[in-house]
Full PDB file with SEQRES, HELIX, SHEET, SSBOND, CRYST1, ORIGX, SCALE, CONECT and MASTER records, all heavy atoms in Angstrom:
SEQRES   1 A   41  ASN ILE GLU ARG ASP SER TYR LEU ALA THR ASN ILE ARG          
SEQRES   2 A   41  PRO THR VAL GLY LEU ALA ILE ILE ILE HIS ASP GLN LYS          
SEQRES   3 A   41  SER PHE PRO PHE MET ASP ASP PHE GLY THR THR VAL GLN          
SEQRES   4 A   41  PRO GLY                                                      
HELIX    1 AA1 ARG A    4  SER A    6  5                                   3    
HELIX    2 AA2 MET A   31  PHE A   34  1                                   4    
SHEET    1 AA1 2 LEU A  18  ILE A  20  0                                        
SHEET    2 AA1 2 THR A  36  VAL A  38 -1                                        
CRYST1    1.000    1.000    1.000  90.00  90.00  90.00 P 1           1          
ORIGX1      1.000000  0.000000  0.000000        0.00000                         
ORIGX2      0.000000  1.000000  0.000000        0.00000                         
ORIGX3      0.000000  0.000000  1.000000        0.00000                         
SCALE1      1.000000  0.000000  0.000000        0.00000                         
SCALE2      0.000000  1.000000  0.000000        0.00000                         
SCALE3      0.000000  0.000000  1.000000        0.00000                         
ATOM      1  N   ASN A   1     -18.994 -27.271  -5.648  1.00  0.00           N  
ATOM      2  CA  ASN A   1     -18.955 -27.637  -7.060  1.00  0.00           C  
ATOM      3  C   ASN A   1     -17.774 -28.579  -7.260  1.00  0.00           C  
ATOM      4  O   ASN A   1     -16.627 -28.202  -7.021  1.00  0.00           O  
ATOM      5  CB  ASN A   1     -18.791 -26.383  -7.919  1.00  0.00           C  
ATOM      6  CG  ASN A   1     -18.861 -26.692  -9.398  1.00  0.00           C  
ATOM      7  OD1 ASN A   1     -18.842 -27.844  -9.822  1.00  0.00           O  
ATOM      8  ND2 ASN A   1     -18.936 -25.638 -10.209  1.00  0.00           N  
ATOM      9  N   ILE A   2     -18.022 -29.811  -7.694  1.00  0.00           N  
ATOM     10  CA  ILE A   2     -16.929 -30.773  -7.860  1.00  0.00           C  
ATOM     11  C   ILE A   2     -16.229 -30.624  -9.204  1.00  0.00           C  
ATOM     12  O   ILE A   2     -15.247 -31.310  -9.475  1.00  0.00           O  
ATOM     13  CB  ILE A   2     -17.434 -32.218  -7.695  1.00  0.00           C  
ATOM     14  CG1 ILE A   2     -18.417 -32.576  -8.816  1.00  0.00           C  
ATOM     15  CG2 ILE A   2     -18.055 -32.416  -6.321  1.00  0.00           C  
ATOM     16  CD1 ILE A   2     -18.759 -34.050  -8.862  1.00  0.00           C  
ATOM     17  N   GLU A   3     -16.735 -29.738 -10.076  1.00  0.00           N  
ATOM     18  CA  GLU A   3     -16.113 -29.495 -11.388  1.00  0.00           C  
ATOM     19  C   GLU A   3     -15.825 -30.812 -12.113  1.00  0.00           C  
ATOM     20  O   GLU A   3     -14.696 -31.161 -12.426  1.00  0.00           O  
ATOM     21  CB  GLU A   3     -14.822 -28.686 -11.234  1.00  0.00           C  
ATOM     22  CG  GLU A   3     -15.025 -27.337 -10.569  1.00  0.00           C  
ATOM     23  CD  GLU A   3     -13.718 -26.605 -10.377  1.00  0.00           C  
ATOM     24  OE1 GLU A   3     -13.076 -26.255 -11.405  1.00  0.00           O  
ATOM     25  OE2 GLU A   3     -13.318 -26.406  -9.217  1.00  0.00           O  
ATOM     26  N   ARG A   4     -16.880 -31.508 -12.405  1.00  0.00           N  
ATOM     27  CA  ARG A   4     -16.783 -32.862 -12.945  1.00  0.00           C  
ATOM     28  C   ARG A   4     -15.992 -32.940 -14.254  1.00  0.00           C  
ATOM     29  O   ARG A   4     -15.283 -33.921 -14.505  1.00  0.00           O  
ATOM     30  CB  ARG A   4     -18.193 -33.406 -13.163  1.00  0.00           C  
ATOM     31  CG  ARG A   4     -18.267 -34.852 -13.586  1.00  0.00           C  
ATOM     32  CD  ARG A   4     -19.693 -35.329 -13.484  1.00  0.00           C  
ATOM     33  NE  ARG A   4     -19.855 -36.724 -13.814  1.00  0.00           N  
ATOM     34  CZ  ARG A   4     -20.964 -37.412 -13.600  1.00  0.00           C  
ATOM     35  NH1 ARG A   4     -22.011 -36.809 -13.030  1.00  0.00           N  
ATOM     36  NH2 ARG A   4     -21.053 -38.689 -13.936  1.00  0.00           N  
ATOM     37  N   ASP A   5     -16.092 -31.941 -15.078  1.00  0.00           N  
ATOM     38  CA  ASP A   5     -15.408 -31.965 -16.372  1.00  0.00           C  
ATOM     39  C   ASP A   5     -13.890 -31.927 -16.237  1.00  0.00           C  
ATOM     40  O   ASP A   5     -13.182 -32.248 -17.194  1.00  0.00           O  
ATOM     41  CB  ASP A   5     -15.870 -30.791 -17.242  1.00  0.00           C  
ATOM     42  CG  ASP A   5     -17.320 -30.941 -17.685  1.00  0.00           C  
ATOM     43  OD1 ASP A   5     -17.816 -32.089 -17.672  1.00  0.00           O  
ATOM     44  OD2 ASP A   5     -17.960 -29.921 -18.017  1.00  0.00           O  
ATOM     45  N   SER A   6     -13.401 -31.536 -15.059  1.00  0.00           N  
ATOM     46  CA  SER A   6     -11.949 -31.470 -14.870  1.00  0.00           C  
ATOM     47  C   SER A   6     -11.373 -32.754 -14.280  1.00  0.00           C  
ATOM     48  O   SER A   6     -10.169 -32.831 -14.032  1.00  0.00           O  
ATOM     49  CB  SER A   6     -11.589 -30.285 -13.970  1.00  0.00           C  
ATOM     50  OG  SER A   6     -12.110 -30.479 -12.661  1.00  0.00           O  
ATOM     51  N   TYR A   7     -12.205 -33.767 -14.078  1.00  0.00           N  
ATOM     52  CA  TYR A   7     -11.712 -35.039 -13.553  1.00  0.00           C  
ATOM     53  C   TYR A   7     -10.814 -35.726 -14.579  1.00  0.00           C  
ATOM     54  O   TYR A   7     -11.063 -35.669 -15.782  1.00  0.00           O  
ATOM     55  CB  TYR A   7     -12.884 -35.973 -13.213  1.00  0.00           C  
ATOM     56  CG  TYR A   7     -13.451 -35.771 -11.827  1.00  0.00           C  
ATOM     57  CD1 TYR A   7     -13.841 -34.510 -11.386  1.00  0.00           C  
ATOM     58  CD2 TYR A   7     -13.625 -36.840 -10.965  1.00  0.00           C  
ATOM     59  CE1 TYR A   7     -14.371 -34.327 -10.123  1.00  0.00           C  
ATOM     60  CE2 TYR A   7     -14.166 -36.669  -9.701  1.00  0.00           C  
ATOM     61  CZ  TYR A   7     -14.534 -35.408  -9.288  1.00  0.00           C  
ATOM     62  OH  TYR A   7     -15.066 -35.227  -8.038  1.00  0.00           O  
ATOM     63  N   LEU A   8      -9.774 -36.373 -14.076  1.00  0.00           N  
ATOM     64  CA  LEU A   8      -8.896 -37.169 -14.922  1.00  0.00           C  
ATOM     65  C   LEU A   8      -9.421 -38.597 -14.979  1.00  0.00           C  
ATOM     66  O   LEU A   8      -9.792 -39.171 -13.951  1.00  0.00           O  
ATOM     67  CB  LEU A   8      -7.463 -37.160 -14.374  1.00  0.00           C  
ATOM     68  CG  LEU A   8      -6.773 -35.793 -14.310  1.00  0.00           C  
ATOM     69  CD1 LEU A   8      -5.393 -35.937 -13.665  1.00  0.00           C  
ATOM     70  CD2 LEU A   8      -6.647 -35.179 -15.703  1.00  0.00           C  
ATOM     71  N   ALA A   9      -9.449 -39.162 -16.161  1.00  0.00           N  
ATOM     72  CA  ALA A   9      -9.913 -40.537 -16.317  1.00  0.00           C  
ATOM     73  C   ALA A   9      -8.938 -41.489 -15.636  1.00  0.00           C  
ATOM     74  O   ALA A   9      -7.728 -41.395 -15.813  1.00  0.00           O  
ATOM     75  CB  ALA A   9     -10.045 -40.879 -17.799  1.00  0.00           C  
ATOM     76  N   THR A  10      -9.463 -42.402 -14.812  1.00  0.00           N  
ATOM     77  CA  THR A  10      -8.631 -43.368 -14.118  1.00  0.00           C  
ATOM     78  C   THR A  10      -9.401 -44.660 -13.910  1.00  0.00           C  
ATOM     79  O   THR A  10     -10.626 -44.642 -13.729  1.00  0.00           O  
ATOM     80  CB  THR A  10      -8.165 -42.827 -12.747  1.00  0.00           C  
ATOM     81  OG1 THR A  10      -7.456 -43.853 -12.054  1.00  0.00           O  
ATOM     82  CG2 THR A  10      -9.338 -42.358 -11.915  1.00  0.00           C  
ATOM     83  N   ASN A  11      -8.682 -45.761 -13.951  1.00  0.00           N  
ATOM     84  CA  ASN A  11      -9.306 -47.063 -13.723  1.00  0.00           C  
ATOM     85  C   ASN A  11      -9.194 -47.501 -12.259  1.00  0.00           C  
ATOM     86  O   ASN A  11      -9.755 -48.520 -11.876  1.00  0.00           O  
ATOM     87  CB  ASN A  11      -8.651 -48.117 -14.622  1.00  0.00           C  
ATOM     88  CG  ASN A  11      -8.954 -47.881 -16.089  1.00  0.00           C  
ATOM     89  OD1 ASN A  11     -10.030 -47.409 -16.435  1.00  0.00           O  
ATOM     90  ND2 ASN A  11      -8.001 -48.197 -16.954  1.00  0.00           N  
ATOM     91  N   ILE A  12      -8.430 -46.751 -11.481  1.00  0.00           N  
ATOM     92  CA  ILE A  12      -8.249 -47.128 -10.077  1.00  0.00           C  
ATOM     93  C   ILE A  12      -9.532 -46.910  -9.293  1.00  0.00           C  
ATOM     94  O   ILE A  12      -9.994 -47.779  -8.561  1.00  0.00           O  
ATOM     95  CB  ILE A  12      -7.102 -46.310  -9.453  1.00  0.00           C  
ATOM     96  CG1 ILE A  12      -5.799 -46.574 -10.215  1.00  0.00           C  
ATOM     97  CG2 ILE A  12      -6.946 -46.654  -7.981  1.00  0.00           C  
ATOM     98  CD1 ILE A  12      -4.658 -45.693  -9.772  1.00  0.00           C  
ATOM     99  N   ARG A  13     -10.144 -45.747  -9.434  1.00  0.00           N  
ATOM    100  CA  ARG A  13     -11.390 -45.425  -8.741  1.00  0.00           C  
ATOM    101  C   ARG A  13     -12.247 -44.595  -9.702  1.00  0.00           C  
ATOM    102  O   ARG A  13     -12.298 -43.371  -9.615  1.00  0.00           O  
ATOM    103  CB  ARG A  13     -11.074 -44.650  -7.467  1.00  0.00           C  
ATOM    104  CG  ARG A  13     -12.233 -44.529  -6.495  1.00  0.00           C  
ATOM    105  CD  ARG A  13     -12.655 -45.868  -5.926  1.00  0.00           C  
ATOM    106  NE  ARG A  13     -11.605 -46.471  -5.138  1.00  0.00           N  
ATOM    107  CZ  ARG A  13     -11.415 -46.252  -3.841  1.00  0.00           C  
ATOM    108  NH1 ARG A  13     -12.212 -45.426  -3.200  1.00  0.00           N  
ATOM    109  NH2 ARG A  13     -10.454 -46.884  -3.206  1.00  0.00           N  
ATOM    110  N   PRO A  14     -12.938 -45.245 -10.654  1.00  0.00           N  
ATOM    111  CA  PRO A  14     -13.696 -44.503 -11.682  1.00  0.00           C  
ATOM    112  C   PRO A  14     -15.022 -43.972 -11.149  1.00  0.00           C  
ATOM    113  O   PRO A  14     -16.109 -44.399 -11.555  1.00  0.00           O  
ATOM    114  CB  PRO A  14     -13.897 -45.560 -12.770  1.00  0.00           C  
ATOM    115  CG  PRO A  14     -13.940 -46.857 -12.028  1.00  0.00           C  
ATOM    116  CD  PRO A  14     -12.993 -46.695 -10.862  1.00  0.00           C  
ATOM    117  N   THR A  15     -14.947 -43.036 -10.207  1.00  0.00           N  
ATOM    118  CA  THR A  15     -16.142 -42.457  -9.595  1.00  0.00           C  
ATOM    119  C   THR A  15     -16.001 -40.945  -9.539  1.00  0.00           C  
ATOM    120  O   THR A  15     -14.903 -40.391  -9.688  1.00  0.00           O  
ATOM    121  CB  THR A  15     -16.347 -42.993  -8.166  1.00  0.00           C  
ATOM    122  OG1 THR A  15     -15.190 -42.665  -7.367  1.00  0.00           O  
ATOM    123  CG2 THR A  15     -16.547 -44.499  -8.168  1.00  0.00           C  
ATOM    124  N   VAL A  16     -17.117 -40.261  -9.318  1.00  0.00           N  
ATOM    125  CA  VAL A  16     -17.120 -38.814  -9.109  1.00  0.00           C  
ATOM    126  C   VAL A  16     -17.867 -38.520  -7.824  1.00  0.00           C  
ATOM    127  O   VAL A  16     -18.716 -39.293  -7.374  1.00  0.00           O  
ATOM    128  CB  VAL A  16     -17.770 -38.057 -10.287  1.00  0.00           C  
ATOM    129  CG1 VAL A  16     -16.972 -38.243 -11.560  1.00  0.00           C  
ATOM    130  CG2 VAL A  16     -19.213 -38.511 -10.485  1.00  0.00           C  
ATOM    131  N   GLY A  17     -17.536 -37.410  -7.202  1.00  0.00           N  
ATOM    132  CA  GLY A  17     -18.167 -37.021  -5.953  1.00  0.00           C  
ATOM    133  C   GLY A  17     -17.118 -36.638  -4.929  1.00  0.00           C  
ATOM    134  O   GLY A  17     -15.961 -36.363  -5.262  1.00  0.00           O  
ATOM    135  N   LEU A  18     -17.527 -36.617  -3.688  1.00  0.00           N  
ATOM    136  CA  LEU A  18     -16.635 -36.289  -2.584  1.00  0.00           C  
ATOM    137  C   LEU A  18     -16.601 -37.447  -1.593  1.00  0.00           C  
ATOM    138  O   LEU A  18     -17.581 -38.175  -1.439  1.00  0.00           O  
ATOM    139  CB  LEU A  18     -17.107 -35.034  -1.850  1.00  0.00           C  
ATOM    140  CG  LEU A  18     -17.115 -33.716  -2.611  1.00  0.00           C  
ATOM    141  CD1 LEU A  18     -17.668 -32.611  -1.717  1.00  0.00           C  
ATOM    142  CD2 LEU A  18     -15.719 -33.352  -3.087  1.00  0.00           C  
ATOM    143  N   ALA A  19     -15.469 -37.604  -0.922  1.00  0.00           N  
ATOM    144  CA  ALA A  19     -15.357 -38.546   0.193  1.00  0.00           C  
ATOM    145  C   ALA A  19     -15.208 -37.729   1.472  1.00  0.00           C  
ATOM    146  O   ALA A  19     -14.401 -36.794   1.529  1.00  0.00           O  
ATOM    147  CB  ALA A  19     -14.163 -39.470   0.005  1.00  0.00           C  
ATOM    148  N   ILE A  20     -15.994 -38.045   2.481  1.00  0.00           N  
ATOM    149  CA  ILE A  20     -15.935 -37.318   3.747  1.00  0.00           C  
ATOM    150  C   ILE A  20     -15.713 -38.303   4.877  1.00  0.00           C  
ATOM    151  O   ILE A  20     -16.058 -39.490   4.780  1.00  0.00           O  
ATOM    152  CB  ILE A  20     -17.218 -36.501   4.008  1.00  0.00           C  
ATOM    153  CG1 ILE A  20     -18.423 -37.446   4.185  1.00  0.00           C  
ATOM    154  CG2 ILE A  20     -17.470 -35.503   2.898  1.00  0.00           C  
ATOM    155  CD1 ILE A  20     -19.665 -36.747   4.694  1.00  0.00           C  
ATOM    156  N   ILE A  21     -15.130 -37.828   5.952  1.00  0.00           N  
ATOM    157  CA  ILE A  21     -14.950 -38.633   7.153  1.00  0.00           C  
ATOM    158  C   ILE A  21     -15.080 -37.724   8.367  1.00  0.00           C  
ATOM    159  O   ILE A  21     -14.543 -36.601   8.378  1.00  0.00           O  
ATOM    160  CB  ILE A  21     -13.582 -39.361   7.142  1.00  0.00           C  
ATOM    161  CG1 ILE A  21     -13.464 -40.314   8.330  1.00  0.00           C  
ATOM    162  CG2 ILE A  21     -12.428 -38.381   7.129  1.00  0.00           C  
ATOM    163  CD1 ILE A  21     -12.254 -41.239   8.249  1.00  0.00           C  
ATOM    164  N   ILE A  22     -15.830 -38.154   9.367  1.00  0.00           N  
ATOM    165  CA  ILE A  22     -15.992 -37.406  10.618  1.00  0.00           C  
ATOM    166  C   ILE A  22     -15.003 -38.001  11.615  1.00  0.00           C  
ATOM    167  O   ILE A  22     -15.035 -39.202  11.886  1.00  0.00           O  
ATOM    168  CB  ILE A  22     -17.426 -37.530  11.170  1.00  0.00           C  
ATOM    169  CG1 ILE A  22     -18.453 -37.205  10.081  1.00  0.00           C  
ATOM    170  CG2 ILE A  22     -17.609 -36.623  12.374  1.00  0.00           C  
ATOM    171  CD1 ILE A  22     -18.355 -35.816   9.522  1.00  0.00           C  
ATOM    172  N   HIS A  23     -14.127 -37.180  12.142  1.00  0.00           N  
ATOM    173  CA  HIS A  23     -13.082 -37.715  13.020  1.00  0.00           C  
ATOM    174  C   HIS A  23     -12.751 -36.711  14.111  1.00  0.00           C  
ATOM    175  O   HIS A  23     -13.030 -35.501  13.998  1.00  0.00           O  
ATOM    176  CB  HIS A  23     -11.812 -38.037  12.205  1.00  0.00           C  
ATOM    177  CG  HIS A  23     -11.187 -36.834  11.558  1.00  0.00           C  
ATOM    178  ND1 HIS A  23     -10.150 -36.135  12.130  1.00  0.00           N  
ATOM    179  CD2 HIS A  23     -11.464 -36.208  10.383  1.00  0.00           C  
ATOM    180  CE1 HIS A  23      -9.803 -35.124  11.341  1.00  0.00           C  
ATOM    181  NE2 HIS A  23     -10.585 -35.140  10.274  1.00  0.00           N  
ATOM    182  N   ASP A  24     -12.146 -37.217  15.169  1.00  0.00           N  
ATOM    183  CA  ASP A  24     -11.685 -36.360  16.256  1.00  0.00           C  
ATOM    184  C   ASP A  24     -10.534 -35.498  15.766  1.00  0.00           C  
ATOM    185  O   ASP A  24      -9.779 -35.891  14.868  1.00  0.00           O  
ATOM    186  CB  ASP A  24     -11.228 -37.229  17.433  1.00  0.00           C  
ATOM    187  CG  ASP A  24     -10.861 -36.410  18.652  1.00  0.00           C  
ATOM    188  OD1 ASP A  24     -11.735 -35.704  19.175  1.00  0.00           O  
ATOM    189  OD2 ASP A  24      -9.691 -36.476  19.073  1.00  0.00           O  
ATOM    190  N   GLN A  25     -10.377 -34.317  16.351  1.00  0.00           N  
ATOM    191  CA  GLN A  25      -9.329 -33.403  15.880  1.00  0.00           C  
ATOM    192  C   GLN A  25      -7.933 -33.943  16.125  1.00  0.00           C  
ATOM    193  O   GLN A  25      -6.974 -33.498  15.484  1.00  0.00           O  
ATOM    194  CB  GLN A  25      -9.499 -32.035  16.558  1.00  0.00           C  
ATOM    195  CG  GLN A  25     -10.720 -31.285  16.050  1.00  0.00           C  
ATOM    196  CD  GLN A  25     -11.128 -30.148  16.965  1.00  0.00           C  
ATOM    197  OE1 GLN A  25     -10.999 -30.250  18.171  1.00  0.00           O  
ATOM    198  NE2 GLN A  25     -11.619 -29.068  16.382  1.00  0.00           N  
ATOM    199  N   LYS A  26      -7.788 -34.912  17.034  1.00  0.00           N  
ATOM    200  CA  LYS A  26      -6.481 -35.503  17.292  1.00  0.00           C  
ATOM    201  C   LYS A  26      -6.294 -36.842  16.582  1.00  0.00           C  
ATOM    202  O   LYS A  26      -5.310 -37.539  16.832  1.00  0.00           O  
ATOM    203  CB  LYS A  26      -6.275 -35.663  18.802  1.00  0.00           C  
ATOM    204  CG  LYS A  26      -6.186 -34.345  19.544  1.00  0.00           C  
ATOM    205  CD  LYS A  26      -5.905 -34.549  21.016  1.00  0.00           C  
ATOM    206  CE  LYS A  26      -5.796 -33.223  21.758  1.00  0.00           C  
ATOM    207  NZ  LYS A  26      -5.508 -33.413  23.205  1.00  0.00           N  
ATOM    208  N   SER A  27      -7.228 -37.208  15.720  1.00  0.00           N  
ATOM    209  CA  SER A  27      -7.116 -38.444  14.945  1.00  0.00           C  
ATOM    210  C   SER A  27      -6.886 -38.108  13.483  1.00  0.00           C  
ATOM    211  O   SER A  27      -7.549 -37.225  12.929  1.00  0.00           O  
ATOM    212  CB  SER A  27      -8.390 -39.292  15.084  1.00  0.00           C  
ATOM    213  OG  SER A  27      -8.599 -39.668  16.427  1.00  0.00           O  
ATOM    214  N   PHE A  28      -5.979 -38.836  12.849  1.00  0.00           N  
ATOM    215  CA  PHE A  28      -5.688 -38.568  11.446  1.00  0.00           C  
ATOM    216  C   PHE A  28      -6.838 -39.060  10.568  1.00  0.00           C  
ATOM    217  O   PHE A  28      -7.369 -40.155  10.788  1.00  0.00           O  
ATOM    218  CB  PHE A  28      -4.383 -39.271  11.039  1.00  0.00           C  
ATOM    219  CG  PHE A  28      -3.929 -38.927   9.648  1.00  0.00           C  
ATOM    220  CD1 PHE A  28      -3.221 -37.758   9.414  1.00  0.00           C  
ATOM    221  CD2 PHE A  28      -4.217 -39.753   8.578  1.00  0.00           C  
ATOM    222  CE1 PHE A  28      -2.802 -37.427   8.142  1.00  0.00           C  
ATOM    223  CE2 PHE A  28      -3.806 -39.435   7.299  1.00  0.00           C  
ATOM    224  CZ  PHE A  28      -3.096 -38.276   7.078  1.00  0.00           C  
ATOM    225  N   PRO A  29      -7.244 -38.266   9.558  1.00  0.00           N  
ATOM    226  CA  PRO A  29      -8.351 -38.692   8.681  1.00  0.00           C  
ATOM    227  C   PRO A  29      -7.864 -39.633   7.586  1.00  0.00           C  
ATOM    228  O   PRO A  29      -7.283 -39.197   6.590  1.00  0.00           O  
ATOM    229  CB  PRO A  29      -8.839 -37.365   8.088  1.00  0.00           C  
ATOM    230  CG  PRO A  29      -7.630 -36.479   8.091  1.00  0.00           C  
ATOM    231  CD  PRO A  29      -6.815 -36.868   9.294  1.00  0.00           C  
ATOM    232  N   PHE A  30      -8.098 -40.906   7.738  1.00  0.00           N  
ATOM    233  CA  PHE A  30      -7.685 -41.890   6.734  1.00  0.00           C  
ATOM    234  C   PHE A  30      -8.753 -41.965   5.642  1.00  0.00           C  
ATOM    235  O   PHE A  30      -9.584 -42.882   5.602  1.00  0.00           O  
ATOM    236  CB  PHE A  30      -7.465 -43.256   7.387  1.00  0.00           C  
ATOM    237  CG  PHE A  30      -6.302 -43.273   8.335  1.00  0.00           C  
ATOM    238  CD1 PHE A  30      -6.510 -43.352   9.705  1.00  0.00           C  
ATOM    239  CD2 PHE A  30      -5.003 -43.201   7.868  1.00  0.00           C  
ATOM    240  CE1 PHE A  30      -5.436 -43.373  10.582  1.00  0.00           C  
ATOM    241  CE2 PHE A  30      -3.921 -43.213   8.742  1.00  0.00           C  
ATOM    242  CZ  PHE A  30      -4.142 -43.300  10.103  1.00  0.00           C  
ATOM    243  N   MET A  31      -8.712 -40.989   4.745  1.00  0.00           N  
ATOM    244  CA  MET A  31      -9.717 -40.887   3.700  1.00  0.00           C  
ATOM    245  C   MET A  31      -9.705 -42.088   2.775  1.00  0.00           C  
ATOM    246  O   MET A  31     -10.748 -42.590   2.363  1.00  0.00           O  
ATOM    247  CB  MET A  31      -9.488 -39.608   2.890  1.00  0.00           C  
ATOM    248  CG  MET A  31      -9.664 -38.330   3.671  1.00  0.00           C  
ATOM    249  SD  MET A  31     -11.355 -38.095   4.247  1.00  0.00           S  
ATOM    250  CE  MET A  31     -12.248 -38.156   2.709  1.00  0.00           C  
ATOM    251  N   ASP A  32      -8.503 -42.561   2.414  1.00  0.00           N  
ATOM    252  CA  ASP A  32      -8.395 -43.653   1.447  1.00  0.00           C  
ATOM    253  C   ASP A  32      -9.117 -44.907   1.923  1.00  0.00           C  
ATOM    254  O   ASP A  32      -9.679 -45.659   1.119  1.00  0.00           O  
ATOM    255  CB  ASP A  32      -6.924 -44.002   1.191  1.00  0.00           C  
ATOM    256  CG  ASP A  32      -6.158 -42.832   0.583  1.00  0.00           C  
ATOM    257  OD1 ASP A  32      -6.726 -41.726   0.535  1.00  0.00           O  
ATOM    258  OD2 ASP A  32      -5.012 -43.025   0.163  1.00  0.00           O  
ATOM    259  N   ASP A  33      -9.113 -45.151   3.218  1.00  0.00           N  
ATOM    260  CA  ASP A  33      -9.648 -46.396   3.753  1.00  0.00           C  
ATOM    261  C   ASP A  33     -11.062 -46.265   4.324  1.00  0.00           C  
ATOM    262  O   ASP A  33     -11.840 -47.218   4.248  1.00  0.00           O  
ATOM    263  CB  ASP A  33      -8.721 -46.918   4.862  1.00  0.00           C  
ATOM    264  CG  ASP A  33      -7.344 -47.270   4.341  1.00  0.00           C  
ATOM    265  OD1 ASP A  33      -7.168 -48.392   3.853  1.00  0.00           O  
ATOM    266  OD2 ASP A  33      -6.447 -46.414   4.421  1.00  0.00           O  
ATOM    267  N   PHE A  34     -11.394 -45.115   4.906  1.00  0.00           N  
ATOM    268  CA  PHE A  34     -12.636 -45.026   5.666  1.00  0.00           C  
ATOM    269  C   PHE A  34     -13.546 -43.872   5.243  1.00  0.00           C  
ATOM    270  O   PHE A  34     -14.536 -43.603   5.921  1.00  0.00           O  
ATOM    271  CB  PHE A  34     -12.313 -44.906   7.160  1.00  0.00           C  
ATOM    272  CG  PHE A  34     -11.414 -45.998   7.666  1.00  0.00           C  
ATOM    273  CD1 PHE A  34     -10.079 -45.736   7.942  1.00  0.00           C  
ATOM    274  CD2 PHE A  34     -11.884 -47.281   7.837  1.00  0.00           C  
ATOM    275  CE1 PHE A  34      -9.233 -46.733   8.399  1.00  0.00           C  
ATOM    276  CE2 PHE A  34     -11.049 -48.294   8.282  1.00  0.00           C  
ATOM    277  CZ  PHE A  34      -9.722 -48.016   8.562  1.00  0.00           C  
ATOM    278  N   GLY A  35     -13.216 -43.188   4.145  1.00  0.00           N  
ATOM    279  CA  GLY A  35     -14.061 -42.086   3.686  1.00  0.00           C  
ATOM    280  C   GLY A  35     -15.395 -42.579   3.135  1.00  0.00           C  
ATOM    281  O   GLY A  35     -15.481 -43.640   2.521  1.00  0.00           O  
ATOM    282  N   THR A  36     -16.461 -41.805   3.363  1.00  0.00           N  
ATOM    283  CA  THR A  36     -17.802 -42.108   2.850  1.00  0.00           C  
ATOM    284  C   THR A  36     -18.086 -41.205   1.659  1.00  0.00           C  
ATOM    285  O   THR A  36     -17.887 -39.994   1.735  1.00  0.00           O  
ATOM    286  CB  THR A  36     -18.869 -41.884   3.935  1.00  0.00           C  
ATOM    287  OG1 THR A  36     -18.579 -42.719   5.058  1.00  0.00           O  
ATOM    288  CG2 THR A  36     -20.252 -42.213   3.416  1.00  0.00           C  
ATOM    289  N   THR A  37     -18.548 -41.786   0.562  1.00  0.00           N  
ATOM    290  CA  THR A  37     -18.728 -41.033  -0.680  1.00  0.00           C  
ATOM    291  C   THR A  37     -20.054 -40.283  -0.688  1.00  0.00           C  
ATOM    292  O   THR A  37     -21.092 -40.814  -0.278  1.00  0.00           O  
ATOM    293  CB  THR A  37     -18.661 -41.976  -1.891  1.00  0.00           C  
ATOM    294  OG1 THR A  37     -17.416 -42.670  -1.879  1.00  0.00           O  
ATOM    295  CG2 THR A  37     -18.782 -41.203  -3.194  1.00  0.00           C  
ATOM    296  N   VAL A  38     -19.998 -39.033  -1.163  1.00  0.00           N  
ATOM    297  CA  VAL A  38     -21.186 -38.194  -1.336  1.00  0.00           C  
ATOM    298  C   VAL A  38     -21.294 -37.861  -2.816  1.00  0.00           C  
ATOM    299  O   VAL A  38     -20.330 -37.376  -3.415  1.00  0.00           O  
ATOM    300  CB  VAL A  38     -21.071 -36.901  -0.508  1.00  0.00           C  
ATOM    301  CG1 VAL A  38     -22.284 -36.011  -0.749  1.00  0.00           C  
ATOM    302  CG2 VAL A  38     -20.931 -37.226   0.973  1.00  0.00           C  
ATOM    303  N   GLN A  39     -22.440 -38.104  -3.414  1.00  0.00           N  
ATOM    304  CA  GLN A  39     -22.598 -37.916  -4.855  1.00  0.00           C  
ATOM    305  C   GLN A  39     -23.178 -36.552  -5.188  1.00  0.00           C  
ATOM    306  O   GLN A  39     -23.881 -35.946  -4.376  1.00  0.00           O  
ATOM    307  CB  GLN A  39     -23.484 -39.016  -5.429  1.00  0.00           C  
ATOM    308  CG  GLN A  39     -24.937 -38.912  -5.012  1.00  0.00           C  
ATOM    309  CD  GLN A  39     -25.765 -40.053  -5.541  1.00  0.00           C  
ATOM    310  OE1 GLN A  39     -25.814 -41.123  -4.965  1.00  0.00           O  
ATOM    311  NE2 GLN A  39     -26.414 -39.819  -6.667  1.00  0.00           N  
ATOM    312  N   PRO A  40     -22.907 -36.029  -6.403  1.00  0.00           N  
ATOM    313  CA  PRO A  40     -23.467 -34.740  -6.821  1.00  0.00           C  
ATOM    314  C   PRO A  40     -24.948 -34.854  -7.167  1.00  0.00           C  
ATOM    315  O   PRO A  40     -25.468 -35.954  -7.404  1.00  0.00           O  
ATOM    316  CB  PRO A  40     -22.634 -34.394  -8.056  1.00  0.00           C  
ATOM    317  CG  PRO A  40     -22.187 -35.715  -8.596  1.00  0.00           C  
ATOM    318  CD  PRO A  40     -21.981 -36.593  -7.397  1.00  0.00           C  
ATOM    319  N   GLY A  41     -25.609 -33.704  -7.196  1.00  0.00           N  
ATOM    320  CA  GLY A  41     -27.028 -33.663  -7.517  1.00  0.00           C  
ATOM    321  C   GLY A  41     -27.918 -34.068  -6.362  1.00  0.00           C  
ATOM    322  O   GLY A  41     -29.131 -34.202  -6.525  1.00  0.00           O  
TER     323      GLY A  41                                                      
MASTER        0    0    0    2    2    0    0    6  322    1    0    4          
END                                                                             
């Protein structure tokens, strides 16, 4: 549950959902740059 009503309004990234990244356990997850967005519903 992404609890959409609790999102803060922002102009930087006006989206809702989750960002995921598949990575090796010894690699840092650079979510900001390489995350893939998953939408609700």
